[in-house]
Protein backbone atom coordinates (compact mmCIF):
# COMPACT_ATOMS: atom_id res chain seq x y z
CA MET A 1 -40.75 7.13 -16.53
CA GLN A 2 -43.08 4.64 -14.69
CA ILE A 3 -41.53 2.95 -11.81
CA THR A 4 -41.78 -0.73 -12.51
CA PHE A 5 -39.77 -3.80 -11.57
CA PRO A 6 -38.41 -4.19 -15.04
CA ALA A 7 -37.55 -0.45 -15.30
CA LEU A 8 -35.72 -0.53 -11.83
CA ALA A 9 -33.99 -3.79 -12.86
CA SER A 10 -32.60 -2.37 -15.89
CA ILE A 11 -31.22 0.63 -13.82
CA ASN A 12 -29.69 -1.79 -11.50
CA ASP A 13 -28.03 -3.83 -14.23
CA ALA A 14 -26.46 -0.40 -15.51
CA VAL A 15 -25.28 0.43 -12.04
CA SER A 16 -23.59 -3.02 -11.69
CA VAL A 17 -22.01 -2.87 -15.04
CA ALA A 18 -20.64 0.72 -14.48
CA TYR A 19 -19.31 -0.16 -10.94
CA ASN A 20 -17.73 -3.31 -11.96
CA THR A 21 -16.07 -1.87 -15.28
CA GLN A 22 -14.77 0.99 -13.48
CA PHE A 23 -13.36 -1.18 -10.53
CA TRP A 24 -11.38 -3.35 -12.80
CA GLU A 25 -10.21 -0.58 -15.10
CA THR A 26 -8.89 1.71 -12.34
CA GLY A 27 -5.21 1.40 -11.73
CA THR A 28 -3.45 1.10 -8.22
CA ILE A 29 -0.27 1.57 -6.62
CA PHE A 30 -0.33 -0.46 -3.60
CA ASP A 31 0.37 -3.59 -5.42
CA ARG A 32 3.76 -2.37 -6.49
CA PHE A 33 5.21 -2.68 -3.03
CA SER A 34 2.51 -4.71 -1.05
CA PHE A 35 1.76 -8.61 -0.68
CA ARG A 36 -1.89 -9.65 -1.34
CA ALA A 37 -3.24 -11.93 1.16
CA GLN A 38 -6.44 -13.88 1.07
CA SER A 39 -8.18 -14.05 4.52
CA GLU A 40 -10.41 -16.81 5.85
CA GLY A 41 -11.42 -15.51 9.29
CA ALA A 42 -11.66 -12.44 11.38
CA ALA A 43 -7.86 -11.99 11.43
CA GLU A 44 -4.82 -13.65 9.86
CA ILE A 45 -1.66 -14.62 11.61
CA TYR A 46 1.67 -14.06 9.63
CA PRO A 47 5.07 -15.78 10.27
CA ARG A 48 8.20 -13.79 10.56
CA MET A 49 9.98 -14.57 7.37
CA ASP A 50 13.23 -12.49 8.30
CA LEU A 51 13.88 -15.10 10.90
CA LEU A 52 14.51 -17.68 8.28
CA PRO A 53 18.31 -18.23 8.16
CA GLY A 54 18.61 -19.37 4.52
CA VAL A 55 19.98 -22.57 2.98
CA ARG A 56 22.55 -24.24 4.70
CA GLU A 57 25.09 -27.14 4.09
CA TRP A 58 23.28 -30.36 5.28
CA VAL A 59 25.53 -31.68 7.95
CA GLY A 60 24.17 -34.01 10.42
CA ASP A 61 20.42 -33.61 11.25
CA ARG A 62 18.05 -31.12 9.60
CA VAL A 63 17.69 -27.76 11.52
CA VAL A 64 13.99 -27.02 11.69
CA HIS A 65 12.91 -23.33 12.02
CA SER A 66 9.50 -23.01 13.47
CA LEU A 67 7.47 -20.19 11.67
CA SER A 68 5.11 -20.20 14.99
CA LEU A 69 7.89 -18.91 17.39
CA SER A 70 7.27 -14.98 16.31
CA THR A 71 4.37 -13.98 14.59
CA PHE A 72 2.14 -10.84 13.77
CA SER A 73 -1.62 -10.36 13.06
CA ILE A 74 -3.82 -8.30 10.90
CA THR A 75 -7.50 -8.04 11.97
CA ASN A 76 -10.14 -7.51 9.18
CA LYS A 77 -12.35 -4.39 9.08
CA THR A 78 -15.65 -3.83 7.31
CA TRP A 79 -15.92 -0.92 4.82
CA GLU A 80 -18.74 0.69 2.92
CA GLU A 81 -20.12 3.51 0.69
CA THR A 82 -23.74 4.22 -0.07
CA ILE A 83 -25.43 6.52 -2.53
CA ALA A 84 -29.34 7.37 -2.77
CA VAL A 85 -31.54 8.54 -5.60
CA ARG A 86 -34.81 10.07 -5.09
CA ARG A 87 -37.76 8.30 -6.33
CA ASN A 88 -39.11 11.53 -7.97
CA ASP A 89 -35.85 11.98 -9.78
CA ILE A 90 -36.36 8.56 -11.58
CA GLU A 91 -39.88 9.19 -12.31
CA ASP A 92 -38.75 12.40 -14.00
CA ASP A 93 -36.09 10.52 -16.14
CA ARG A 94 -33.50 12.64 -14.07
CA TYR A 95 -31.33 9.65 -13.32
CA GLY A 96 -28.31 10.25 -15.59
CA ILE A 97 -26.10 11.11 -12.57
CA ILE A 98 -26.60 7.11 -11.26
CA LYS A 99 -23.90 5.87 -13.90
CA PRO A 100 -21.16 8.24 -12.88
CA ALA A 101 -21.89 7.81 -9.25
CA ALA A 102 -21.80 4.06 -9.63
CA GLN A 103 -18.55 4.50 -11.56
CA GLN A 104 -17.26 6.59 -8.61
CA LEU A 105 -18.11 3.94 -6.02
CA GLY A 106 -15.92 1.40 -8.18
CA GLN A 107 -13.02 3.70 -8.22
CA ASN A 108 -13.31 4.50 -4.55
CA ALA A 109 -13.41 0.93 -3.53
CA ARG A 110 -10.55 0.12 -5.81
CA HIS A 111 -8.18 2.97 -4.21
CA LEU A 112 -9.02 2.01 -0.65
CA PRO A 113 -5.87 -0.15 -0.42
CA ASP A 114 -3.85 2.77 -1.79
CA LEU A 115 -5.30 5.05 0.65
CA LEU A 116 -4.97 2.82 3.64
CA ILE A 117 -1.32 1.57 2.77
CA ALA A 118 -0.40 5.46 2.25
CA GLN A 119 -1.45 6.19 5.72
CA LEU A 120 0.65 3.10 7.24
CA MET A 121 3.75 4.61 5.18
CA LEU A 122 3.17 8.04 6.61
CA ASN A 123 2.74 6.96 10.26
CA GLY A 124 5.47 4.08 10.40
CA GLN A 125 7.81 5.95 12.46
CA ASN A 126 5.22 6.05 15.27
CA VAL A 127 3.92 2.46 15.15
CA PRO A 128 5.84 -0.35 16.89
CA THR A 129 6.36 -3.78 14.92
CA TYR A 130 7.17 -7.16 15.97
CA ASP A 131 10.84 -6.49 16.97
CA GLY A 132 9.89 -3.92 19.49
CA GLN A 133 10.89 -0.84 17.31
CA ASN A 134 8.78 1.37 15.25
CA PHE A 135 8.25 0.17 11.67
CA PHE A 136 10.59 3.09 10.46
CA ASP A 137 13.20 3.44 13.25
CA THR A 138 16.75 4.42 13.63
CA ALA A 139 17.67 1.41 15.76
CA HIS A 140 16.19 -1.78 14.50
CA PRO A 141 18.20 -4.99 15.82
CA ASN A 142 20.35 -6.23 12.98
CA PRO A 143 23.32 -8.73 13.63
CA THR A 144 26.83 -8.10 12.46
CA ARG A 145 28.54 -10.19 10.03
CA THR A 146 29.57 -12.55 12.67
CA GLY A 147 26.02 -12.77 14.17
CA ALA A 148 26.85 -10.42 17.21
CA PRO A 149 24.10 -7.93 18.12
CA GLY A 150 23.88 -4.76 16.23
CA ILE A 151 21.44 -2.27 15.08
CA VAL A 152 20.27 -0.74 11.66
CA ALA A 153 18.46 2.42 10.67
CA ASN A 154 15.55 2.22 8.00
CA TYR A 155 14.50 5.82 8.87
CA GLN A 156 16.03 9.39 8.48
CA PRO A 157 14.43 12.01 10.79
CA GLY A 158 13.77 15.33 9.47
CA ASP A 159 11.13 18.03 8.70
CA GLY A 160 10.45 17.56 5.08
CA PRO A 161 7.90 15.33 3.32
CA MET A 162 8.52 11.60 3.36
CA TRP A 163 10.01 9.68 0.60
CA PHE A 164 10.64 5.73 0.50
CA LEU A 165 12.75 3.29 -0.86
CA PHE A 166 11.56 -0.31 -1.45
CA ASP A 167 12.96 -3.69 -2.36
CA THR A 168 9.97 -5.28 -4.16
CA SER A 169 11.95 -8.47 -5.37
CA LYS A 170 10.95 -10.57 -2.32
CA VAL A 171 7.88 -12.79 -1.87
CA ILE A 172 6.97 -11.12 1.45
CA LYS A 173 6.38 -7.27 0.97
CA PRO A 174 6.63 -4.26 3.27
CA PHE A 175 2.96 -4.08 3.41
CA ILE A 176 0.17 -6.20 3.34
CA TRP A 177 -3.38 -5.98 1.79
CA GLN A 178 -5.63 -8.57 3.22
CA GLU A 179 -8.86 -9.23 1.80
CA ARG A 180 -11.68 -11.28 3.53
CA ARG A 181 -14.73 -10.35 1.36
CA PRO A 182 -14.50 -8.65 -1.92
CA PHE A 183 -16.16 -5.37 -2.50
CA VAL A 184 -19.41 -5.62 -4.36
CA VAL A 185 -22.45 -3.18 -5.09
CA ILE A 186 -25.75 -4.14 -3.51
CA PRO A 187 -28.95 -2.64 -4.57
CA LYS A 188 -32.00 -1.64 -2.37
CA PHE A 189 -34.51 -0.63 -5.01
CA SER A 190 -37.42 -2.75 -4.28
CA MET A 191 -40.69 -0.65 -3.80
CA GLU A 192 -41.29 -2.55 -0.60
CA ASP A 193 -37.90 -1.55 1.04
CA PRO A 194 -38.31 0.66 3.90
CA GLN A 195 -36.25 3.50 2.77
CA VAL A 196 -38.38 3.82 -0.46
CA PHE A 197 -41.63 3.92 1.81
CA TRP A 198 -40.14 6.17 4.48
CA ASN A 199 -37.65 8.33 2.48
CA GLN A 200 -38.62 8.07 -1.19
CA GLU A 201 -34.98 6.81 -2.03
CA PHE A 202 -33.44 3.97 -4.01
CA GLU A 203 -30.22 3.16 -2.61
CA TRP A 204 -26.91 1.36 -3.91
CA GLY A 205 -24.16 0.52 -1.41
CA VAL A 206 -20.69 -0.98 -1.77
CA ASP A 207 -19.07 -3.09 1.08
CA GLY A 208 -16.32 -5.42 1.90
CA ARG A 209 -14.03 -6.69 4.52
CA ALA A 210 -10.26 -6.23 4.27
CA ASN A 211 -7.41 -4.35 5.90
CA ALA A 212 -3.93 -3.34 5.41
CA GLY A 213 -0.98 -3.94 7.63
CA TYR A 214 2.70 -3.77 8.08
CA GLY A 215 4.94 -6.67 6.66
CA LEU A 216 8.69 -6.63 6.67
CA TRP A 217 10.37 -3.43 7.79
CA GLN A 218 13.59 -4.66 6.28
CA LEU A 219 12.24 -4.21 2.83
CA CYS A 220 11.34 -0.61 3.07
CA ALA A 221 13.08 2.59 4.32
CA ALA A 222 11.62 6.07 4.88
CA SER A 223 13.14 9.62 5.33
CA ASN A 224 11.87 13.00 6.34
CA ALA A 225 15.43 14.29 5.62
CA PRO A 226 16.04 16.21 2.20
CA MET A 227 15.98 13.95 -0.72
CA THR A 228 19.49 14.27 -1.71
CA ILE A 229 21.92 11.95 -3.74
CA ALA A 230 23.98 11.54 -0.22
CA ASN A 231 20.71 10.76 1.68
CA ILE A 232 19.59 8.28 -0.75
CA ILE A 233 22.91 6.54 -0.94
CA THR A 234 23.03 6.46 2.95
CA LEU A 235 19.56 4.81 3.23
CA ARG A 236 20.22 2.51 0.41
CA THR A 237 23.32 1.17 1.87
CA ALA A 238 21.73 0.62 5.18
CA MET A 239 19.04 -1.55 3.64
CA ALA A 240 21.76 -3.43 1.92
CA SER A 241 23.39 -4.13 5.18
CA ILE A 242 20.38 -5.84 6.86
CA ARG A 243 21.23 -9.31 7.82
CA ARG A 244 19.66 -12.67 8.79
CA PRO A 245 19.99 -13.80 12.50
CA ASP A 246 23.16 -15.71 11.65
CA GLY A 247 24.70 -12.56 10.04
CA THR A 248 24.30 -13.71 6.39
CA PRO A 249 23.06 -10.88 4.33
CA MET A 250 19.20 -10.94 3.37
CA GLY A 251 20.17 -9.85 -0.20
CA ILE A 252 18.29 -6.57 -0.07
CA LYS A 253 18.49 -4.29 -3.04
CA PRO A 254 16.28 -1.23 -3.23
CA THR A 255 14.73 -0.82 -6.56
CA LEU A 256 11.85 1.57 -6.07
CA LEU A 257 11.77 5.16 -5.00
CA VAL A 258 8.48 6.49 -4.01
CA THR A 259 7.39 9.96 -3.41
CA GLY A 260 4.31 12.29 -3.09
CA THR A 261 3.80 14.79 -6.04
CA GLY A 262 6.10 17.55 -4.78
CA LEU A 263 9.24 15.38 -4.78
CA TYR A 264 8.57 13.15 -7.80
CA PRO A 265 10.23 15.39 -10.42
CA ASP A 266 13.54 15.14 -8.32
CA ALA A 267 12.85 11.42 -7.86
CA LEU A 268 12.52 11.03 -11.58
CA ALA A 269 15.63 12.92 -12.24
CA TYR A 270 17.59 10.89 -9.98
CA ALA A 271 16.12 7.68 -11.53
CA THR A 272 16.78 8.54 -15.16
CA ASN A 273 18.97 11.65 -15.87
CA GLU A 274 22.61 11.37 -16.78
CA PHE A 275 23.36 14.75 -15.06
CA VAL A 276 21.70 16.31 -11.98
CA PRO A 277 22.41 19.41 -10.13
CA VAL A 278 25.24 19.38 -7.74
CA ASP A 279 22.70 19.86 -4.68
CA ALA A 280 19.13 19.72 -5.85
CA THR A 281 17.83 20.92 -2.74
CA THR A 282 19.43 24.38 -3.16
CA GLY A 283 18.53 24.82 -6.91
CA ALA A 284 22.09 24.90 -7.92
CA THR A 285 22.45 25.09 -11.84
CA THR A 286 26.02 23.31 -11.80
CA LEU A 287 25.29 19.79 -13.09
CA ALA A 288 27.36 16.71 -12.22
CA PRO A 289 27.16 12.99 -13.37
CA ASN A 290 24.17 11.29 -11.63
CA PRO A 291 25.56 8.17 -9.70
CA LEU A 292 21.98 7.01 -8.91
CA ARG A 293 20.94 6.59 -12.52
CA GLY A 294 19.44 3.10 -13.27
CA MET A 295 19.69 2.11 -9.73
CA PHE A 296 15.85 2.31 -9.08
CA ALA A 297 12.45 3.31 -10.69
CA ALA A 298 10.75 6.35 -9.44
CA LEU A 299 6.99 6.20 -8.46
CA GLU A 300 4.66 9.02 -7.72
CA ASP A 301 2.23 7.99 -5.03
CA GLU A 302 -0.49 10.78 -4.94
CA TRP A 303 -2.07 9.08 -1.71
CA LEU A 304 1.00 10.31 0.24
CA ASN A 305 -0.09 14.08 -0.67
């Protein structure tokens, strides 16, 4: 193949099509329990929606609840991935690898939110959030029904693999994916480019600006304890008991059970089977009616593995 501008432009068009097609055809997991936010600067500040007390009877003047009293922020980061193809390989018509490589760039860019949010999930018991406790914690502040101080747990300690319960019905989600600049593929294929002159390589790179962060801890719970019926019910009940500052319920109803690959068969059984083993953690064969059936959907998140 003769290296000409039209020939290189044709290859670049093929790269762009392969990248964009694969990017948009790739399915994601994070958007099942994450809020998408468009960023307009280096960082974004978010109000604490959990401080809103809810609708009240209008007696006297309106009561104004300032969203600026307590906030949290997420700072954008820049991400990239770059591939190179040697000039000699293009001259020798050995450029069949370019299309699948471009497709892989698109898939990797699309899955970045899945990877980053899975890392947040797995480390949530070690990261303080806006109320002074870790995102997953055994002692989050939580008022009683009368508004008196109290605590609630959205974490069960243990030594096993983590599994999670989510309420995905609210506007704000447990996690936030914040995008400043979308991911696009950029070519460096001019014969005058320095890397062609010095290294005999044509390059294509993907980059974008974005970041993931924690949202409302109230809408998510995690456990390192065995994934038994009793532990699921305990965590689900604790989430349902979370209240607004005045003691009224937040109306939390966990609807999604998320696990890695190893726990997914049990999670799917809890979500759908009419009967389950009396104690699934011991492999017991005695079956009993499944009290969890229909309470939530099960989701396998391979990025937790």
